[in-house]
Protein backbone atom coordinates (compact mmCIF):
# COMPACT_ATOMS: atom_id res chain seq x y z
CA UNK A 1 -13.21 17.12 -7.32
CA UNK A 2 -10.51 14.75 -9.49
CA UNK A 3 -10.28 16.77 -13.06
CA UNK A 4 -9.18 15.15 -16.32
CA UNK A 5 -7.11 17.32 -18.80
CA UNK A 6 -7.87 15.39 -21.70
CA UNK A 7 -4.75 17.48 -24.06
CA UNK A 8 -2.17 16.08 -21.31
CA UNK A 9 -2.87 12.47 -22.24
CA UNK A 10 0.45 12.58 -23.93
CA UNK A 11 2.16 12.94 -21.00
CA UNK A 12 2.10 9.00 -20.29
CA UNK A 13 3.66 8.23 -23.18
CA UNK A 14 6.19 10.92 -22.49
CA UNK A 15 6.94 8.94 -19.18
CA UNK A 16 7.12 5.73 -20.90
CA UNK A 17 9.72 6.55 -23.43
CA UNK A 18 11.59 8.35 -20.21
CA UNK A 19 11.54 5.16 -18.29
CA UNK A 20 12.51 2.95 -21.46
CA UNK A 21 15.87 4.94 -22.39
CA UNK A 22 18.91 4.62 -21.08
CA UNK A 23 19.25 7.45 -20.39
CA UNK A 24 16.10 8.55 -18.25
CA UNK A 25 17.07 8.50 -14.99
CA UNK A 26 19.62 11.40 -15.42
CA UNK A 27 16.32 13.35 -16.82
CA UNK A 28 14.45 12.38 -13.95
CA UNK A 29 16.85 13.18 -10.99
CA UNK A 30 14.86 13.50 -7.09
CA UNK A 31 15.84 16.93 -6.15
CA UNK A 32 15.58 17.41 -1.99
CA UNK A 33 16.04 19.99 0.40
CA UNK A 34 14.30 21.37 3.67
CA UNK A 35 12.51 24.07 3.55
CA UNK A 36 12.99 27.33 5.51
CA UNK A 37 9.87 26.06 7.85
CA UNK A 38 11.09 22.67 8.35
CA UNK A 39 8.85 20.42 5.82
CA UNK A 40 11.12 18.10 3.38
CA UNK A 41 10.39 18.77 0.03
CA UNK A 42 11.20 16.17 -3.07
CA UNK A 43 11.20 17.09 -6.44
CA UNK A 44 11.15 15.89 -9.80
CA UNK A 45 10.99 18.40 -12.56
CA UNK A 46 8.68 16.97 -15.48
CA UNK A 47 8.53 20.06 -17.95
CA UNK A 48 6.45 18.78 -20.96
CA UNK A 49 3.10 19.05 -20.06
CA UNK A 50 2.06 22.51 -17.96
CA UNK A 51 0.56 20.53 -14.93
CA UNK A 52 1.88 20.01 -11.23
CA UNK A 53 0.64 17.78 -8.86
CA UNK A 54 1.59 17.98 -5.32
CA UNK A 55 1.81 15.24 -1.82
CA UNK A 56 1.45 16.87 1.44
CA UNK A 57 2.03 14.23 3.81
CA UNK A 58 1.92 14.40 7.69
CA UNK A 59 2.21 11.94 10.39
CA UNK A 60 -0.96 11.99 11.40
CA UNK A 61 -2.46 9.01 10.37
CA UNK A 62 -5.41 6.75 12.33
CA UNK A 63 -2.13 5.47 15.35
CA UNK A 64 -2.48 8.82 16.39
CA UNK A 65 -6.14 9.35 16.51
CA UNK A 66 -7.09 8.42 20.65
CA UNK A 67 -8.27 5.60 22.09
CA UNK A 68 -11.93 5.36 21.71
CA UNK A 69 -12.08 7.65 18.60
CA UNK A 70 -10.80 5.52 16.44
CA UNK A 71 -11.27 6.77 12.79
CA UNK A 72 -10.53 10.21 13.92
CA UNK A 73 -7.49 11.01 11.69
CA UNK A 74 -9.99 9.82 8.15
CA UNK A 75 -12.97 11.73 9.56
CA UNK A 76 -11.22 15.15 10.45
CA UNK A 77 -9.34 14.79 6.97
CA UNK A 78 -12.66 14.32 4.84
CA UNK A 79 -14.25 17.14 7.18
CA UNK A 80 -11.40 20.02 5.45
CA UNK A 81 -13.89 19.78 2.26
CA UNK A 82 -16.66 21.63 4.57
CA UNK A 83 -15.38 25.06 4.56
CA UNK A 84 -12.75 27.30 5.72
CA UNK A 85 -12.66 30.10 8.27
CA UNK A 86 -12.57 33.08 7.81
CA UNK A 87 -9.27 35.08 8.24
CA UNK A 88 -7.97 38.87 8.46
CA UNK A 89 -8.80 39.71 4.52
CA UNK A 90 -10.02 36.67 3.79
CA UNK A 91 -13.88 35.99 3.87
CA UNK A 92 -15.23 32.18 5.35
CA UNK A 93 -15.61 29.98 2.48
CA UNK A 94 -18.40 27.19 2.70
CA UNK A 95 -18.22 23.85 1.29
CA UNK A 96 -20.11 25.22 -2.05
CA UNK A 97 -18.06 28.12 -2.19
CA UNK A 98 -14.87 26.32 -1.76
CA UNK A 99 -16.03 23.48 -4.48
CA UNK A 100 -16.78 26.33 -7.15
CA UNK A 101 -13.13 27.85 -6.37
CA UNK A 102 -11.75 24.45 -6.72
CA UNK A 103 -13.36 24.09 -10.16
CA UNK A 104 -13.09 27.96 -11.40
CA UNK A 105 -9.62 27.10 -11.27
CA UNK A 106 -9.53 23.63 -13.41
CA UNK A 107 -7.78 22.30 -10.35
CA UNK A 108 -8.18 19.43 -7.28
CA UNK A 109 -7.40 19.36 -3.50
CA UNK A 110 -8.14 16.88 -1.55
CA UNK A 111 -7.26 15.13 1.73
CA UNK A 112 -7.02 11.46 2.96
CA UNK A 113 -6.25 9.20 5.47
CA UNK A 114 -4.30 6.15 6.85
CA UNK A 115 -2.96 4.25 9.12
CA UNK A 116 0.36 6.58 9.76
CA UNK A 117 -0.16 9.25 7.73
CA UNK A 118 -2.52 11.87 6.48
CA UNK A 119 -2.72 13.06 3.29
CA UNK A 120 -3.54 15.91 1.04
CA UNK A 121 -3.36 16.33 -2.57
CA UNK A 122 -3.03 18.77 -4.97
CA UNK A 123 -3.33 18.62 -8.77
CA UNK A 124 -3.44 22.28 -10.60
CA UNK A 125 -2.13 23.46 -13.98
CA UNK A 126 1.63 25.31 -13.83
CA UNK A 127 0.90 28.99 -14.94
CA UNK A 128 1.62 31.07 -12.14
CA UNK A 129 -1.10 33.34 -12.10
CA UNK A 130 -3.46 29.79 -12.05
CA UNK A 131 -0.68 27.69 -9.92
CA UNK A 132 -0.48 30.69 -7.47
CA UNK A 133 -4.31 31.16 -6.45
CA UNK A 134 -4.30 26.87 -6.56
CA UNK A 135 -1.74 27.19 -3.71
CA UNK A 136 -3.59 30.21 -1.11
CA UNK A 137 -6.63 27.98 -1.30
CA UNK A 138 -4.92 25.45 -1.13
CA UNK A 139 -3.14 26.53 2.27
CA UNK A 140 -6.51 27.90 3.14
CA UNK A 141 -8.53 24.30 3.55
CA UNK A 142 -5.83 22.85 4.47
CA UNK A 143 -4.06 25.61 7.23
CA UNK A 144 -7.86 26.94 8.24
CA UNK A 145 -10.78 24.25 8.12
CA UNK A 146 -13.67 25.76 9.48
CA UNK A 147 -15.18 22.00 10.35
CA UNK A 148 -18.31 22.68 10.69
CA UNK A 149 -20.70 21.37 13.30
CA UNK A 150 -24.29 21.56 11.02
CA UNK A 151 -22.04 19.57 8.42
CA UNK A 152 -20.95 17.41 10.95
CA UNK A 153 -23.93 17.13 12.48
CA UNK A 154 -25.53 15.81 9.09
CA UNK A 155 -22.93 13.52 7.59
CA UNK A 156 -22.13 11.68 11.26
CA UNK A 157 -25.53 9.66 10.23
CA UNK A 158 -23.92 8.53 6.31
CA UNK A 159 -21.42 7.12 8.07
CA UNK A 160 -22.93 5.48 11.05
CA UNK A 161 -25.31 3.87 8.38
CA UNK A 162 -22.04 2.69 7.00
CA UNK A 163 -20.28 0.87 9.63
CA UNK A 164 -24.21 -0.68 9.95
CA UNK A 165 -23.59 -1.78 6.69
CA UNK A 166 -20.24 -3.09 7.01
CA UNK A 167 -21.48 -5.63 9.44
CA UNK A 168 -23.34 -7.26 7.21
CA UNK A 169 -20.52 -7.80 4.25
CA UNK A 170 -19.09 -11.40 5.24
CA UNK A 171 -15.04 -10.18 3.71
CA UNK A 172 -15.47 -6.69 6.17
CA UNK A 173 -16.04 -9.31 8.91
CA UNK A 174 -13.70 -11.74 8.47
CA UNK A 175 -11.36 -8.98 7.90
CA UNK A 176 -11.97 -6.59 10.97
CA UNK A 177 -11.58 -10.44 13.50
CA UNK A 178 -8.33 -11.25 11.51
CA UNK A 179 -6.80 -7.20 11.90
CA UNK A 180 -7.57 -7.92 15.59
CA UNK A 181 -6.02 -11.30 16.18
CA UNK A 182 -3.20 -10.09 13.96
CA UNK A 183 -2.24 -7.09 15.63
CA UNK A 184 -3.87 -6.92 19.36
CA UNK A 185 -3.77 -3.67 20.53
CA UNK A 186 -1.60 -1.47 18.05
CA UNK A 187 -3.67 1.34 16.55
CA UNK A 188 -3.36 -0.80 12.67
CA UNK A 189 -6.11 -3.30 14.72
CA UNK A 190 -8.63 -0.97 15.36
CA UNK A 191 -11.28 0.34 13.29
CA UNK A 192 -14.06 2.55 13.71
CA UNK A 193 -17.39 1.99 15.81
CA UNK A 194 -20.43 3.21 16.27
CA UNK A 195 -19.04 4.21 19.76
CA UNK A 196 -16.23 5.25 18.83
CA UNK A 197 -17.87 7.25 15.81
CA UNK A 198 -20.65 8.55 18.80
CA UNK A 199 -17.50 10.01 20.53
CA UNK A 200 -16.05 12.05 17.79
CA UNK A 201 -16.41 15.97 17.90
CA UNK A 202 -15.17 18.46 15.97
CA UNK A 203 -13.23 19.83 18.89
CA UNK A 204 -11.84 16.78 18.69
CA UNK A 205 -11.09 17.67 14.88
CA UNK A 206 -9.98 20.82 15.87
CA UNK A 207 -7.65 19.17 18.38
CA UNK A 208 -5.66 17.22 16.52
CA UNK A 209 -5.53 19.17 13.06
CA UNK A 210 -4.06 21.85 15.25
CA UNK A 211 -1.80 18.70 16.77
CA UNK A 212 -0.05 17.31 13.65
CA UNK A 213 -0.87 19.22 10.67
CA UNK A 214 2.12 21.54 11.78
CA UNK A 215 4.56 22.95 9.07
CA UNK A 216 7.57 21.53 10.00
CA UNK A 217 6.35 18.05 10.21
CA UNK A 218 5.17 18.05 6.52
CA UNK A 219 7.09 16.16 3.67
CA UNK A 220 5.95 17.45 0.37
CA UNK A 221 6.42 15.39 -3.10
CA UNK A 222 6.10 17.39 -6.29
CA UNK A 223 6.11 16.02 -10.04
CA UNK A 224 5.56 18.79 -12.63
CA UNK A 225 6.59 21.65 -14.46
CA UNK A 226 7.92 23.76 -11.83
CA UNK A 227 12.15 24.20 -11.04
CA UNK A 228 13.41 24.19 -8.06
CA UNK A 229 12.90 28.11 -6.84
CA UNK A 230 8.84 27.76 -7.47
CA UNK A 231 8.71 24.30 -6.26
CA UNK A 232 10.05 26.19 -3.18
CA UNK A 233 7.72 29.04 -3.22
CA UNK A 234 5.05 26.91 -3.72
CA UNK A 235 5.26 24.87 -0.34
CA UNK A 236 5.78 28.61 1.50
CA UNK A 237 2.37 28.79 -0.18
CA UNK A 238 0.88 25.95 0.64
CA UNK A 239 2.71 25.88 4.65
CA UNK A 240 2.03 29.25 5.35
CA UNK A 241 -1.25 28.88 7.51
CA UNK A 242 -0.47 26.34 9.55
CA UNK A 243 1.59 26.95 13.05
CA UNK A 244 5.59 26.99 12.62
CA UNK A 245 8.26 27.50 14.95
CA UNK A 246 10.36 24.84 16.89
CA UNK A 247 9.66 20.94 15.48
CA UNK A 248 8.74 18.91 18.69
CA UNK A 249 9.32 14.83 17.91
CA UNK A 250 6.07 13.39 18.26
CA UNK A 251 5.40 10.55 20.78
CA UNK A 252 6.71 7.29 19.60
CA UNK A 253 4.01 4.76 19.08
CA UNK A 254 3.91 1.05 20.37
CA UNK A 255 4.99 -1.64 17.92
CA UNK A 256 3.58 -4.36 16.64
CA UNK A 257 4.35 -7.66 18.77
CA UNK A 258 4.93 -10.35 17.28
CA UNK A 259 2.74 -13.36 18.03
CA UNK A 260 3.73 -15.88 20.83
CA UNK A 261 0.94 -18.83 20.00
CA UNK A 262 -0.92 -19.90 16.72
CA UNK A 263 -4.64 -18.34 16.88
CA UNK A 264 -7.73 -19.48 15.37
CA UNK A 265 -10.96 -18.08 14.74
CA UNK A 266 -14.05 -19.79 12.78
CA UNK A 267 -17.21 -17.50 12.45
CA UNK A 268 -20.14 -18.49 11.38
CA UNK A 269 -21.58 -16.37 8.50
CA UNK A 270 -24.98 -16.93 5.70
CA UNK A 271 -22.69 -16.62 2.67
CA UNK A 272 -21.97 -18.38 -0.68
CA UNK A 273 -18.72 -18.10 -0.63
CA UNK A 274 -16.18 -18.91 3.32
CA UNK A 275 -13.40 -16.37 3.57
CA UNK A 276 -10.08 -17.97 4.11
CA UNK A 277 -7.50 -15.65 5.93
CA UNK A 278 -3.70 -16.31 7.28
CA UNK A 279 -0.83 -14.62 8.46
CA UNK A 280 1.22 -12.36 10.92
CA UNK A 281 2.25 -9.44 11.57
CA UNK A 282 5.45 -8.72 8.51
CA UNK A 283 8.00 -6.10 8.37
CA UNK A 284 8.35 -2.43 8.42
CA UNK A 285 8.59 -0.83 5.14
CA UNK A 286 12.62 0.44 5.92
CA UNK A 287 13.48 -3.24 6.25
CA UNK A 288 16.83 -4.70 4.63
CA UNK A 289 14.13 -7.75 3.95
CA UNK A 290 12.44 -5.65 1.51
CA UNK A 291 13.05 -6.42 -1.87
CA UNK A 292 13.62 -10.60 -1.27
CA UNK A 293 10.30 -10.60 0.82
CA UNK A 294 8.94 -8.93 -2.53
CA UNK A 295 10.74 -11.02 -4.88
CA UNK A 296 9.92 -13.92 -3.04
CA UNK A 297 5.59 -13.10 -2.34
CA UNK A 298 5.33 -12.82 -6.39
CA UNK A 299 6.76 -16.70 -6.11
CA UNK A 300 4.13 -17.40 -3.49
CA UNK A 301 1.08 -15.77 -4.38
CA UNK A 302 1.61 -11.79 -5.32
CA UNK A 303 2.24 -13.56 -8.94
CA UNK A 304 -1.34 -13.90 -9.66
CA UNK A 305 -1.65 -16.89 -12.01
CA UNK A 306 2.45 -17.66 -11.84
CA UNK A 307 2.29 -17.70 -8.06
CA UNK A 308 2.78 -21.14 -6.12
CA UNK A 309 -0.16 -21.04 -4.03
CA UNK A 310 -2.63 -20.42 -7.20
CA UNK A 311 -1.27 -23.51 -9.20
CA UNK A 312 -1.78 -25.33 -6.52
CA UNK A 313 -5.15 -24.59 -5.29
CA UNK A 314 -6.92 -23.30 -8.10
CA UNK A 315 -5.31 -24.93 -11.37
CA UNK A 316 -4.47 -28.47 -9.78
CA UNK A 317 -7.69 -28.52 -7.78
CA UNK A 318 -10.56 -26.14 -8.29
CA UNK A 319 -10.44 -24.97 -5.05
CA UNK A 320 -10.92 -21.60 -5.78
CA UNK A 321 -11.27 -19.22 -8.09
CA UNK A 322 -8.46 -16.80 -6.92
CA UNK A 323 -5.62 -16.94 -3.94
CA UNK A 324 -3.08 -14.29 -2.94
CA UNK A 325 -0.52 -13.27 -0.87
CA UNK A 326 0.21 -10.10 0.58
CA UNK A 327 2.74 -7.99 2.50
CA UNK A 328 1.67 -4.70 3.82
CA UNK A 329 4.83 -3.31 5.49
CA UNK A 330 4.01 0.52 7.44
CA UNK A 331 6.21 2.59 10.05
CA UNK A 332 5.27 -0.75 12.13
CA UNK A 333 5.00 -4.27 11.22
CA UNK A 334 1.84 -4.79 8.94
CA UNK A 335 -0.01 -7.89 8.22
CA UNK A 336 1.71 -10.78 6.09
CA UNK A 337 -1.83 -11.83 4.83
CA UNK A 338 -2.67 -15.10 2.60
CA UNK A 339 -6.57 -14.74 1.59
CA UNK A 340 -9.15 -16.62 -0.90
CA UNK A 341 -12.86 -17.57 -1.07
CA UNK A 342 -14.10 -20.71 -2.12
CA UNK A 343 -17.00 -23.14 -1.14
CA UNK A 344 -17.95 -24.01 1.91
CA UNK A 345 -17.34 -27.08 2.25
CA UNK A 346 -13.90 -26.97 0.50
CA UNK A 347 -12.98 -24.66 3.42
CA UNK A 348 -10.60 -26.57 5.49
CA UNK A 349 -9.03 -28.46 2.00
CA UNK A 350 -8.11 -25.38 1.00
CA UNK A 351 -6.90 -23.94 4.33
CA UNK A 352 -4.57 -26.83 4.77
CA UNK A 353 -3.64 -26.66 1.33
CA UNK A 354 -2.18 -22.70 2.13
CA UNK A 355 -0.46 -24.23 5.00
CA UNK A 356 1.36 -27.07 3.24
CA UNK A 357 2.36 -24.25 0.72
CA UNK A 358 3.52 -21.87 3.24
CA UNK A 359 5.66 -24.44 5.19
CA UNK A 360 7.18 -26.06 2.55
CA UNK A 361 8.31 -22.16 0.88
CA UNK A 362 9.66 -20.84 4.53
CA UNK A 363 11.73 -24.20 4.69
CA UNK A 364 12.91 -24.63 1.09
CA UNK A 365 12.36 -20.82 -0.26
CA UNK A 366 12.27 -21.00 -4.74
CA UNK A 367 12.82 -23.24 -7.73
CA UNK A 368 16.13 -21.05 -9.95
CA UNK A 369 13.27 -21.36 -12.62
CA UNK A 370 10.57 -19.80 -10.27
CA UNK A 371 12.83 -16.79 -9.15
CA UNK A 372 14.09 -16.39 -12.98
CA UNK A 373 10.38 -16.16 -13.66
CA UNK A 374 10.24 -13.88 -11.57
CA UNK A 375 12.76 -11.12 -11.92
CA UNK A 376 12.06 -11.01 -15.26
CA UNK A 377 8.29 -10.54 -14.42
CA UNK A 378 8.94 -7.96 -11.61
CA UNK A 379 11.76 -5.87 -13.53
CA UNK A 380 10.02 -6.33 -17.10
CA UNK A 381 6.50 -4.16 -15.51
CA UNK A 382 8.47 -1.69 -13.72
CA UNK A 383 8.15 0.83 -16.12
CA UNK A 384 4.53 0.57 -15.77
CA UNK A 385 4.71 1.40 -11.71
CA UNK A 386 5.21 4.98 -13.35
CA UNK A 387 3.44 5.67 -16.32
CA UNK A 388 1.64 8.35 -15.07
CA UNK A 389 2.38 11.77 -12.73
CA UNK A 390 0.42 10.12 -10.56
CA UNK A 391 2.22 7.17 -10.15
CA UNK A 392 5.49 8.80 -10.72
CA UNK A 393 3.95 11.20 -7.57
CA UNK A 394 3.17 8.24 -5.18
CA UNK A 395 6.76 6.97 -5.98
CA UNK A 396 8.41 9.95 -5.21
CA UNK A 397 6.07 10.50 -2.16
CA UNK A 398 6.62 6.71 -0.81
CA UNK A 399 11.05 7.47 -0.76
CA UNK A 400 10.31 10.63 1.33
CA UNK A 401 7.85 9.68 3.49
CA UNK A 402 9.67 6.00 4.38
CA UNK A 403 13.22 8.52 3.97
CA UNK A 404 14.51 5.95 0.73
CA UNK A 405 17.52 6.97 -0.76
CA UNK A 406 16.96 9.15 -3.87
CA UNK A 407 18.00 6.79 -6.21
CA UNK A 408 15.47 4.22 -5.13
CA UNK A 409 13.84 4.54 -8.33
CA UNK A 410 16.61 4.15 -10.71
CA UNK A 411 18.20 1.08 -8.62
CA UNK A 412 15.56 -0.56 -8.52
CA UNK A 413 15.35 -3.61 -11.19
CA UNK A 414 19.16 -3.93 -9.99
CA UNK A 415 18.09 -4.57 -6.24
CA UNK A 416 15.00 -7.37 -7.61
CA UNK A 417 17.88 -8.43 -9.93
CA UNK A 418 20.47 -8.85 -7.37
CA UNK A 419 17.98 -11.38 -4.89
CA UNK A 420 19.25 -15.23 -4.40
CA UNK A 421 17.26 -17.98 -3.57
CA UNK A 422 18.85 -18.15 -0.37
CA UNK A 423 18.45 -14.27 0.76
CA UNK A 424 14.59 -14.99 0.05
CA UNK A 425 14.53 -18.23 1.95
CA UNK A 426 16.76 -16.58 4.51
CA UNK A 427 14.40 -13.65 4.79
CA UNK A 428 11.52 -15.80 4.83
CA UNK A 429 12.63 -17.58 7.55
CA UNK A 430 13.19 -14.65 9.64
CA UNK A 431 9.72 -12.63 8.94
CA UNK A 432 7.94 -15.25 9.22
CA UNK A 433 6.57 -18.56 12.09
CA UNK A 434 4.06 -20.38 10.23
CA UNK A 435 3.19 -22.75 13.86
CA UNK A 436 2.25 -19.23 15.40
CA UNK A 437 -0.23 -17.41 12.41
CA UNK A 438 -3.77 -16.17 13.21
CA UNK A 439 -6.51 -18.11 11.38
CA UNK A 440 -9.47 -16.57 10.09
CA UNK A 441 -12.24 -19.00 8.65
CA UNK A 442 -15.60 -17.43 8.16
CA UNK A 443 -18.23 -19.23 6.68
CA UNK A 444 -17.02 -22.49 6.32
CA UNK A 445 -17.84 -26.04 7.47
């Protein structure tokens, strides 16, 4: 369960002040060190309120799920809330006892998994007695999950029903076809099916947990009212029940392969709106073109009502309520996607306009007026990316996970301001090939 402490609402105003003040970043340095276990730790001290947020990331996302068992990582993460095993000096706890224990502490602990990483998140008051208890309980849930068979058999039909329902939703059907076409055999393109679900057991969850959730592989981001010694002690507590020892590198995962020819798929579907998706593999998060593509995409389709695609398709022609473009970089080349919904009889016209505007932008880049407007918008809204503990933690974890420079946040606006129209044109030219993109149209005529 997630707990919201209303008396700590002033944290938002504190962070906003710090972000807007010229000397703010001196108050929020990111400290980084390697823990004795081999885990990498990133800390931002924020003593204004007695709270601490911790994110613990492992290279245990769905790209690590075995073939034929897509979704195992996410299911394993969710199952950690179902109870913890008995150990020397500690009794077993079922899901009810575990939930009650977190409620008694006024803290929360969650586990999720995406394509790249598995994430555990702890939020607790930082009073020494409470934080010690919260850390110890989190260590048990993260390191000694019971994975009870009875609860897996209870929960599996709910997951199966969710999979079946997704086949009835036009947006899900279109997105599934798009991912498969863009990524091919790469794990990013796989989605859990009924067969995958039926092939997953609690033994699989235990095996994946044992092999991937190990202390030395952890990247830990901490934001809150703790200093470095306290943070290091908390990390020791959190990782104490995970496998220790030598850190063996994990096997490499295949890279996303570039597309070699255009692919178009039309999906018949009884829907009020046609769903149109156009795209291709994009970039990794550590790409040197990241900022040029960030600014350029804001101009093309990521900037809401000010974006070119919105102007051409919505404002001038009324073909759609909303159209957007997006890069989704990860450890591998995440997809570049343009997406929209429109009346089925207008789908082809909208698609033709998307292709025309995309080709023009890749070939010519933005105007100086568009570039300046995008920079002003991005830098002017930067404070809102960091105005809560959760957002700040997300950004610190982004630095930790992707190996970004420790001054990434303090130089972010400078990086944006340095981008030129030529930078954008060259970066888009290196990254996008409109002539070989995937197109999925669901429900169009």
